[in-house]
Amino acid sequence: MSINLNDDFDGGEVSFPEYSSRGYKAPRGGAVIFSCSALHAVSRVTRGKRYAFLPFLYDDAAAAIREANAAKVPIAADYRA
């Protein structure tokens, strides 16, 4: 999920190149929600600064997978979901 925290910038649209060249820019407080498995990109910000909150949403099964994978990465060994 990509939640825009401001709207005083140009550019910064989220797009999904596998499907279309169209970009999506949610209003301040609005969100673009998508699967992280989808190829996605954000265009260059051409004016101002883009501030976004980027939470990852997952269920208990995915949390278990994330924790198991984190144990394989030395820097993430102390990670807990």
N, C-alpha and C. Protein backbone atom coordinates (compact mmCIF):
# COMPACT_ATOMS: atom_id res chain seq x y z
N MET A 1 0.85 -1.17 0.00
CA MET A 1 0.00 0.00 0.00
C MET A 1 0.90 1.23 0.00
N SER A 2 0.50 2.23 -0.73
CA SER A 2 1.22 3.51 -0.77
C SER A 2 0.21 4.61 -0.42
N ILE A 3 0.38 5.22 0.73
CA ILE A 3 -0.52 6.28 1.19
C ILE A 3 0.21 7.61 1.08
N ASN A 4 -0.32 8.51 0.27
CA ASN A 4 0.29 9.83 0.13
C ASN A 4 -0.01 10.67 1.36
N LEU A 5 1.04 11.27 1.92
CA LEU A 5 0.88 12.12 3.09
C LEU A 5 0.80 13.60 2.72
N ASN A 6 1.08 13.90 1.47
CA ASN A 6 0.97 15.28 0.99
C ASN A 6 0.55 15.25 -0.48
N ASP A 7 0.20 16.42 -0.99
CA ASP A 7 -0.19 16.48 -2.41
C ASP A 7 0.44 17.67 -3.14
N ASP A 8 1.40 18.33 -2.48
CA ASP A 8 2.02 19.50 -3.09
C ASP A 8 3.31 19.13 -3.82
N PHE A 9 3.19 18.17 -4.74
CA PHE A 9 4.31 17.74 -5.55
C PHE A 9 3.78 17.31 -6.92
N ASP A 10 4.67 17.33 -7.89
CA ASP A 10 4.35 16.82 -9.24
C ASP A 10 5.17 15.57 -9.48
N GLY A 11 4.63 14.66 -10.26
CA GLY A 11 5.28 13.37 -10.49
C GLY A 11 4.93 12.43 -9.35
N GLY A 12 5.77 11.41 -9.14
CA GLY A 12 5.57 10.51 -8.03
C GLY A 12 4.39 9.56 -8.19
N GLU A 13 3.95 9.32 -9.44
CA GLU A 13 2.83 8.41 -9.65
C GLU A 13 3.29 6.96 -9.56
N VAL A 14 2.46 6.11 -9.00
CA VAL A 14 2.72 4.67 -8.94
C VAL A 14 2.19 4.06 -10.23
N SER A 15 3.00 3.21 -10.86
CA SER A 15 2.54 2.55 -12.09
C SER A 15 2.88 1.07 -12.04
N PHE A 16 2.25 0.34 -12.94
CA PHE A 16 2.41 -1.11 -13.04
C PHE A 16 2.77 -1.44 -14.47
N PRO A 17 4.07 -1.37 -14.81
CA PRO A 17 4.54 -1.45 -16.20
C PRO A 17 4.10 -2.70 -16.95
N GLU A 18 3.85 -3.80 -16.26
CA GLU A 18 3.42 -5.02 -16.95
C GLU A 18 2.03 -4.87 -17.55
N TYR A 19 1.25 -3.94 -17.01
CA TYR A 19 -0.14 -3.82 -17.43
C TYR A 19 -0.44 -2.57 -18.25
N SER A 20 0.25 -1.47 -17.93
CA SER A 20 -0.06 -0.20 -18.59
C SER A 20 1.00 0.83 -18.23
N SER A 21 1.08 1.89 -18.98
CA SER A 21 1.99 2.98 -18.64
C SER A 21 1.29 4.02 -17.77
N ARG A 22 0.01 3.83 -17.51
CA ARG A 22 -0.75 4.77 -16.69
C ARG A 22 -0.21 4.83 -15.27
N GLY A 23 -0.09 6.05 -14.72
CA GLY A 23 0.33 6.24 -13.35
C GLY A 23 -0.86 6.60 -12.47
N TYR A 24 -0.76 6.28 -11.20
CA TYR A 24 -1.83 6.56 -10.23
C TYR A 24 -1.26 7.43 -9.12
N LYS A 25 -1.96 8.52 -8.84
CA LYS A 25 -1.55 9.42 -7.76
C LYS A 25 -2.75 9.64 -6.86
N ALA A 26 -2.72 9.00 -5.71
CA ALA A 26 -3.81 9.16 -4.74
C ALA A 26 -3.76 10.55 -4.14
N PRO A 27 -4.91 11.09 -3.74
CA PRO A 27 -4.91 12.39 -3.07
C PRO A 27 -4.27 12.25 -1.68
N ARG A 28 -3.95 13.36 -1.05
CA ARG A 28 -3.40 13.33 0.31
C ARG A 28 -4.32 12.51 1.20
N GLY A 29 -3.76 11.51 1.87
CA GLY A 29 -4.54 10.63 2.74
C GLY A 29 -5.14 9.45 2.01
N GLY A 30 -5.08 9.45 0.68
CA GLY A 30 -5.60 8.34 -0.12
C GLY A 30 -4.51 7.30 -0.36
N ALA A 31 -4.93 6.13 -0.82
CA ALA A 31 -3.98 5.03 -0.98
C ALA A 31 -4.11 4.36 -2.34
N VAL A 32 -2.99 3.83 -2.81
CA VAL A 32 -2.97 2.89 -3.92
C VAL A 32 -2.60 1.56 -3.28
N ILE A 33 -3.47 0.57 -3.42
CA ILE A 33 -3.26 -0.73 -2.78
C ILE A 33 -3.01 -1.76 -3.86
N PHE A 34 -1.94 -2.54 -3.67
CA PHE A 34 -1.56 -3.52 -4.68
C PHE A 34 -0.73 -4.62 -4.04
N SER A 35 -0.65 -5.75 -4.71
CA SER A 35 0.19 -6.84 -4.26
C SER A 35 1.65 -6.50 -4.53
N CYS A 36 2.50 -6.74 -3.55
CA CYS A 36 3.93 -6.47 -3.75
C CYS A 36 4.53 -7.39 -4.79
N SER A 37 3.84 -8.45 -5.15
CA SER A 37 4.34 -9.34 -6.19
C SER A 37 4.14 -8.73 -7.58
N ALA A 38 3.35 -7.66 -7.67
CA ALA A 38 3.15 -6.98 -8.95
C ALA A 38 4.34 -6.04 -9.18
N LEU A 39 4.91 -6.11 -10.38
CA LEU A 39 5.99 -5.19 -10.73
C LEU A 39 5.42 -3.78 -10.65
N HIS A 40 6.06 -2.92 -9.87
CA HIS A 40 5.57 -1.55 -9.73
C HIS A 40 6.73 -0.58 -9.72
N ALA A 41 6.43 0.66 -10.04
CA ALA A 41 7.43 1.71 -10.10
C ALA A 41 6.79 3.02 -9.66
N VAL A 42 7.64 3.97 -9.28
CA VAL A 42 7.18 5.31 -8.94
C VAL A 42 7.96 6.28 -9.81
N SER A 43 7.24 7.16 -10.50
CA SER A 43 7.91 8.11 -11.38
C SER A 43 8.67 9.17 -10.57
N ARG A 44 9.60 9.80 -11.23
CA ARG A 44 10.42 10.84 -10.61
C ARG A 44 9.54 12.00 -10.16
N VAL A 45 9.82 12.51 -8.98
CA VAL A 45 9.15 13.73 -8.49
C VAL A 45 9.84 14.91 -9.15
N THR A 46 9.05 15.73 -9.85
CA THR A 46 9.63 16.85 -10.59
C THR A 46 9.46 18.20 -9.88
N ARG A 47 8.62 18.24 -8.87
CA ARG A 47 8.44 19.47 -8.08
C ARG A 47 8.03 19.09 -6.68
N GLY A 48 8.68 19.69 -5.69
CA GLY A 48 8.36 19.42 -4.30
C GLY A 48 8.96 18.11 -3.82
N LYS A 49 8.43 17.63 -2.72
CA LYS A 49 8.86 16.35 -2.14
C LYS A 49 7.62 15.51 -1.93
N ARG A 50 7.77 14.22 -2.18
CA ARG A 50 6.67 13.27 -1.97
C ARG A 50 6.92 12.56 -0.65
N TYR A 51 5.93 12.62 0.23
CA TYR A 51 5.98 11.90 1.49
C TYR A 51 4.90 10.84 1.45
N ALA A 52 5.29 9.60 1.75
CA ALA A 52 4.34 8.50 1.68
C ALA A 52 4.57 7.54 2.84
N PHE A 53 3.50 6.95 3.30
CA PHE A 53 3.54 5.88 4.30
C PHE A 53 3.37 4.59 3.52
N LEU A 54 4.29 3.63 3.71
CA LEU A 54 4.32 2.42 2.88
C LEU A 54 4.22 1.15 3.74
N PRO A 55 3.05 0.89 4.34
CA PRO A 55 2.91 -0.31 5.16
C PRO A 55 2.77 -1.57 4.29
N PHE A 56 3.17 -2.69 4.83
CA PHE A 56 3.00 -3.99 4.18
C PHE A 56 1.95 -4.76 4.97
N LEU A 57 0.94 -5.24 4.29
CA LEU A 57 -0.16 -5.95 4.94
C LEU A 57 -0.04 -7.44 4.63
N TYR A 58 -0.14 -8.27 5.66
CA TYR A 58 -0.06 -9.71 5.46
C TYR A 58 -0.75 -10.43 6.61
N ASP A 59 -1.11 -11.70 6.36
CA ASP A 59 -1.81 -12.50 7.36
C ASP A 59 -0.81 -13.30 8.21
N ASP A 60 -1.33 -14.13 9.13
CA ASP A 60 -0.47 -14.89 10.02
C ASP A 60 0.44 -15.87 9.27
N ALA A 61 -0.08 -16.50 8.22
CA ALA A 61 0.73 -17.44 7.44
C ALA A 61 1.90 -16.72 6.78
N ALA A 62 1.65 -15.56 6.22
CA ALA A 62 2.72 -14.79 5.60
C ALA A 62 3.70 -14.29 6.65
N ALA A 63 3.23 -13.95 7.84
CA ALA A 63 4.12 -13.51 8.92
C ALA A 63 5.08 -14.63 9.29
N ALA A 64 4.59 -15.87 9.33
CA ALA A 64 5.46 -17.01 9.64
C ALA A 64 6.53 -17.19 8.56
N ILE A 65 6.16 -17.01 7.31
CA ILE A 65 7.13 -17.11 6.21
C ILE A 65 8.17 -16.01 6.32
N ARG A 66 7.72 -14.78 6.60
CA ARG A 66 8.65 -13.65 6.75
C ARG A 66 9.64 -13.91 7.88
N GLU A 67 9.15 -14.42 9.00
CA GLU A 67 10.03 -14.69 10.14
C GLU A 67 11.03 -15.79 9.81
N ALA A 68 10.59 -16.85 9.13
CA ALA A 68 11.50 -17.93 8.74
C ALA A 68 12.56 -17.42 7.77
N ASN A 69 12.17 -16.59 6.83
CA ASN A 69 13.13 -16.04 5.87
C ASN A 69 14.10 -15.07 6.55
N ALA A 70 13.63 -14.31 7.51
CA ALA A 70 14.48 -13.35 8.21
C ALA A 70 15.62 -14.06 8.93
N ALA A 71 15.37 -15.28 9.41
CA ALA A 71 16.41 -16.03 10.12
C ALA A 71 17.57 -16.38 9.18
N LYS A 72 17.33 -16.35 7.88
CA LYS A 72 18.37 -16.68 6.90
C LYS A 72 19.22 -15.47 6.51
N VAL A 73 18.83 -14.29 6.97
CA VAL A 73 19.55 -13.06 6.64
C VAL A 73 20.20 -12.55 7.92
N PRO A 74 21.53 -12.56 8.00
CA PRO A 74 22.22 -12.21 9.25
C PRO A 74 21.76 -10.91 9.90
N ILE A 75 21.60 -9.86 9.11
CA ILE A 75 21.22 -8.56 9.66
C ILE A 75 19.79 -8.57 10.21
N ALA A 76 18.95 -9.52 9.77
CA ALA A 76 17.55 -9.57 10.19
C ALA A 76 17.31 -10.67 11.21
N ALA A 77 18.36 -11.25 11.77
CA ALA A 77 18.21 -12.39 12.67
C ALA A 77 17.34 -12.07 13.89
N ASP A 78 17.32 -10.81 14.31
CA ASP A 78 16.50 -10.43 15.47
C ASP A 78 15.11 -9.98 15.10
N TYR A 79 14.75 -10.08 13.79
CA TYR A 79 13.42 -9.64 13.32
C TYR A 79 12.33 -10.51 13.94
N ARG A 80 11.28 -9.89 14.35
CA ARG A 80 10.08 -10.59 14.82
C ARG A 80 8.86 -9.89 14.24
N ALA A 81 7.93 -10.66 13.75
CA ALA A 81 6.71 -10.09 13.13
C ALA A 81 5.82 -9.48 14.18
